[in-house]
Each structure stands twice: as structure tokens, then as C-alpha cells.
C-alpha atoms as a PDB file:
ATOM      1  CA  MET A   1     110.127 107.720  86.609  1.00  0.00           C
ATOM      2  CA  LYS A   2     113.664 106.586  87.226  1.00  0.00           C
ATOM      3  CA  ILE A   3     114.583 103.641  89.392  1.00  0.00           C
ATOM      4  CA  ASP A   4     118.053 102.555  90.680  1.00  0.00           C
ATOM      5  CA  CYS A   5     118.577  99.064  92.148  1.00  0.00           C
ATOM      6  CA  LYS A   6     121.513  97.928  94.174  1.00  0.00           C
ATOM      7  CA  LYS A   7     122.074  94.564  95.844  1.00  0.00           C
ATOM      8  CA  ILE A   8     123.172  94.528  99.505  1.00  0.00           C
ATOM      9  CA  ASN A   9     123.733  90.978 100.639  1.00  0.00           C
ATOM     10  CA  ARG A  10     120.414  89.297  99.746  1.00  0.00           C
ATOM     11  CA  THR A  11     118.449  92.562  99.779  1.00  0.00           C
ATOM     12  CA  LEU A  12     117.526  94.685  96.805  1.00  0.00           C
ATOM     13  CA  LEU A  13     117.680  98.375  97.609  1.00  0.00           C
ATOM     14  CA  VAL A  14     115.300 100.214  95.230  1.00  0.00           C
ATOM     15  CA  LYS A  15     115.687 104.015  94.905  1.00  0.00           C
ATOM     16  CA  LEU A  16     112.562 105.518  93.480  1.00  0.00           C
ATOM     17  CA  TYR A  17     112.343 108.979  91.957  1.00  0.00           C
ATOM     18  CA  GLY A  18     109.540 111.248  90.935  1.00  0.00           C
ATOM     19  CA  GLU A  19     105.931 110.007  90.860  1.00  0.00           C
ATOM     20  CA  ILE A  20     104.548 106.566  91.429  1.00  0.00           C
ATOM     21  CA  ASP A  21     101.149 106.613  89.540  1.00  0.00           C
ATOM     22  CA  HIS A  22      99.301 104.602  87.040  1.00  0.00           C
ATOM     23  CA  HIS A  23     101.627 105.791  84.259  1.00  0.00           C
ATOM     24  CA  PHE A  24     104.715 104.267  85.862  1.00  0.00           C
ATOM     25  CA  THR A  25     103.732 101.405  88.187  1.00  0.00           C
ATOM     26  CA  GLU A  26     104.049  98.706  85.490  1.00  0.00           C
ATOM     27  CA  ASP A  27     107.492  99.758  84.596  1.00  0.00           C
ATOM     28  CA  ILE A  28     108.462  99.998  88.245  1.00  0.00           C
ATOM     29  CA  ARG A  29     107.139  96.506  88.946  1.00  0.00           C
ATOM     30  CA  ASP A  30     108.818  94.974  85.948  1.00  0.00           C
ATOM     31  CA  LYS A  31     112.316  96.462  86.794  1.00  0.00           C
ATOM     32  CA  ILE A  32     112.061  95.447  90.470  1.00  0.00           C
ATOM     33  CA  ASP A  33     110.853  91.887  89.735  1.00  0.00           C
ATOM     34  CA  ARG A  34     113.606  91.486  87.067  1.00  0.00           C
ATOM     35  CA  GLU A  35     116.458  92.730  89.328  1.00  0.00           C
ATOM     36  CA  PHE A  36     115.005  90.879  92.445  1.00  0.00           C
ATOM     37  CA  ASN A  37     115.139  87.484  90.518  1.00  0.00           C
ATOM     38  CA  LYS A  38     118.368  88.172  88.561  1.00  0.00           C
ATOM     39  CA  GLN A  39     120.223  89.158  91.754  1.00  0.00           C
ATOM     40  CA  ASN A  40     118.636  86.194  93.734  1.00  0.00           C
ATOM     41  CA  CYS A  41     117.418  88.562  96.482  1.00  0.00           C
ATOM     42  CA  GLN A  42     115.179  87.743  99.464  1.00  0.00           C
ATOM     43  CA  ASN A  43     114.252  91.143 100.754  1.00  0.00           C
ATOM     44  CA  ILE A  44     113.434  94.568  99.205  1.00  0.00           C
ATOM     45  CA  ILE A  45     114.013  97.994 100.710  1.00  0.00           C
ATOM     46  CA  LEU A  46     112.075 100.807  98.980  1.00  0.00           C
ATOM     47  CA  ASP A  47     113.703 104.256  99.184  1.00  0.00           C
ATOM     48  CA  PHE A  48     111.021 106.958  98.943  1.00  0.00           C
ATOM     49  CA  GLU A  49     113.216 109.924  99.683  1.00  0.00           C
ATOM     50  CA  ASP A  50     112.953 111.336  96.182  1.00  0.00           C
ATOM     51  CA  VAL A  51     109.309 110.382  95.533  1.00  0.00           C
ATOM     52  CA  GLU A  52     107.213 113.459  94.999  1.00  0.00           C
ATOM     53  CA  PHE A  53     103.810 111.832  94.635  1.00  0.00           C
ATOM     54  CA  MET A  54     102.208 108.398  94.985  1.00  0.00           C
ATOM     55  CA  ASP A  55      98.633 107.469  94.155  1.00  0.00           C
ATOM     56  CA  SER A  56      96.568 104.305  94.805  1.00  0.00           C
ATOM     57  CA  SER A  57      98.146 102.395  91.896  1.00  0.00           C
ATOM     58  CA  GLY A  58     101.357 102.367  93.970  1.00  0.00           C
ATOM     59  CA  ILE A  59      99.543 100.302  96.586  1.00  0.00           C
ATOM     60  CA  GLY A  60      99.048  97.401  94.183  1.00  0.00           C
ATOM     61  CA  MET A  61     102.633  97.607  93.027  1.00  0.00           C
ATOM     62  CA  ILE A  62     103.939  97.510  96.578  1.00  0.00           C
ATOM     63  CA  ILE A  63     101.564  94.629  97.550  1.00  0.00           C
ATOM     64  CA  GLY A  64     102.801  92.624  94.646  1.00  0.00           C
ATOM     65  CA  ARG A  65     106.435  93.138  95.771  1.00  0.00           C
ATOM     66  CA  TYR A  66     105.456  92.155  99.256  1.00  0.00           C
ATOM     67  CA  LYS A  67     104.071  88.870  97.891  1.00  0.00           C
ATOM     68  CA  LEU A  68     107.249  88.415  95.876  1.00  0.00           C
ATOM     69  CA  THR A  69     109.346  88.664  98.934  1.00  0.00           C
ATOM     70  CA  GLN A  70     107.032  86.405 100.961  1.00  0.00           C
ATOM     71  CA  GLU A  71     107.595  83.641  98.396  1.00  0.00           C
ATOM     72  CA  LYS A  72     111.236  83.629  99.376  1.00  0.00           C
ATOM     73  CA  ASN A  73     110.608  83.997 103.111  1.00  0.00           C
ATOM     74  CA  GLY A  74     111.815  87.529 102.895  1.00  0.00           C
ATOM     75  CA  LYS A  75     110.500  90.977 103.913  1.00  0.00           C
ATOM     76  CA  ILE A  76     109.916  94.421 102.339  1.00  0.00           C
ATOM     77  CA  TYR A  77     110.816  97.635 104.020  1.00  0.00           C
ATOM     78  CA  ALA A  78     110.419 101.285 103.162  1.00  0.00           C
ATOM     79  CA  PHE A  79     112.066 104.560 104.275  1.00  0.00           C
ATOM     80  CA  GLY A  80     111.998 108.228 103.483  1.00  0.00           C
ATOM     81  CA  LEU A  81     108.272 108.451 103.046  1.00  0.00           C
ATOM     82  CA  LYS A  82     106.922 112.082 102.681  1.00  0.00           C
ATOM     83  CA  ASP A  83     103.481 113.171 103.730  1.00  0.00           C
ATOM     84  CA  ASN A  84     101.609 111.957 100.639  1.00  0.00           C
ATOM     85  CA  ALA A  85     103.230 108.485 100.644  1.00  0.00           C
ATOM     86  CA  LYS A  86     102.748 108.235 104.399  1.00  0.00           C
ATOM     87  CA  ARG A  87      99.080 109.039 104.096  1.00  0.00           C
ATOM     88  CA  ILE A  88      98.681 106.365 101.390  1.00  0.00           C
ATOM     89  CA  PHE A  89     100.442 103.831 103.502  1.00  0.00           C
ATOM     90  CA  ASP A  90      98.302 104.635 106.600  1.00  0.00           C
ATOM     91  CA  MET A  91      94.978 104.723 104.710  1.00  0.00           C
ATOM     92  CA  SER A  92      95.616 101.521 102.832  1.00  0.00           C
ATOM     93  CA  GLY A  93      97.096  99.522 105.753  1.00  0.00           C
ATOM     94  CA  LEU A  94     100.436  99.109 103.948  1.00  0.00           C
ATOM     95  CA  ASN A  95     102.166 100.335 107.117  1.00  0.00           C
ATOM     96  CA  LYS A  96     100.870  97.135 108.853  1.00  0.00           C
ATOM     97  CA  LEU A  97     102.578  94.867 106.238  1.00  0.00           C
ATOM     98  CA  ILE A  98     105.753  96.923 105.640  1.00  0.00           C
ATOM     99  CA  ALA A  99     108.054  98.226 108.310  1.00  0.00           C
ATOM    100  CA  CYS A 100     108.773 101.920 107.523  1.00  0.00           C
ATOM    101  CA  PHE A 101     111.923 103.791 108.715  1.00  0.00           C
ATOM    102  CA  GLU A 102     113.138 107.336 108.650  1.00  0.00           C
ATOM    103  CA  ASN A 103     116.343 106.612 106.804  1.00  0.00           C
ATOM    104  CA  LYS A 104     118.371 104.000 104.972  1.00  0.00           C
ATOM    105  CA  GLN A 105     120.700 103.045 107.779  1.00  0.00           C
ATOM    106  CA  GLN A 106     117.749 102.175 110.011  1.00  0.00           C
ATOM    107  CA  ALA A 107     116.134 100.028 107.271  1.00  0.00           C
ATOM    108  CA  ILE A 108     119.453  98.238 106.490  1.00  0.00           C
ATOM    109  CA  SER A 109     120.284  97.600 110.145  1.00  0.00           C
ATOM    110  CA  TYR A 110     116.755  96.111 110.745  1.00  0.00           C
ATOM    111  CA  ILE A 111     117.295  93.284 108.352  1.00  0.00           C
END
């Protein structure tokens, strides 16, 4: 699992690659939290365009990042979800907590 983080104003754009499963969620969480705090961000945008698979362990990782943004009165957004990730978001109710967009431009312009 590879992750790229980029700061845009007070938002951390997180590009995720590959699979989000129990093998990688701890590493993903640690890197996002470290960059979020180091960059003094308020919001997070998760880019799922290159995510091939996500299991239920991804739900906990995302909810934890949701709580992290809430502590700074921020929000978390996602875009580029494929069928597997969309299904997980819908079944778990994540789509009620996190605004989901088709592409990066929509997510960035929403902030």
C-alpha cells in the first residue's frame, strides 16, 4: 500500500493506492495522522481512484480520521470510489458521515 499526502490550504489530500485491508490500515492511519498534525490541517480528502479493494478494516480507519477532523472542526471527504468501496460506504453508513464526490475538483471546490 502506497500513500501520497499533499497539503492544499488547510486540507490534507490523501492519495491511496492498492488495497485497504487489515494488513495496511494501521500504516495508513499512522501516515495520515502524522501528516495531518505536522501540516496543521483541518480537513481530509481521501482519493480512492487507485484503490482496488477495501474491506471492513477500512471502515474503522476512516471513522478514526473522521473523528480526527471533527476535533479541529473540520470535515472529511472522499472521491473516486469504485464499486467495492462504494458498497462498503453504503452498507456501513460511511456515506452519511462523509461527502463523496466523483472527482478531485468536485471535492476540493466543496470545501
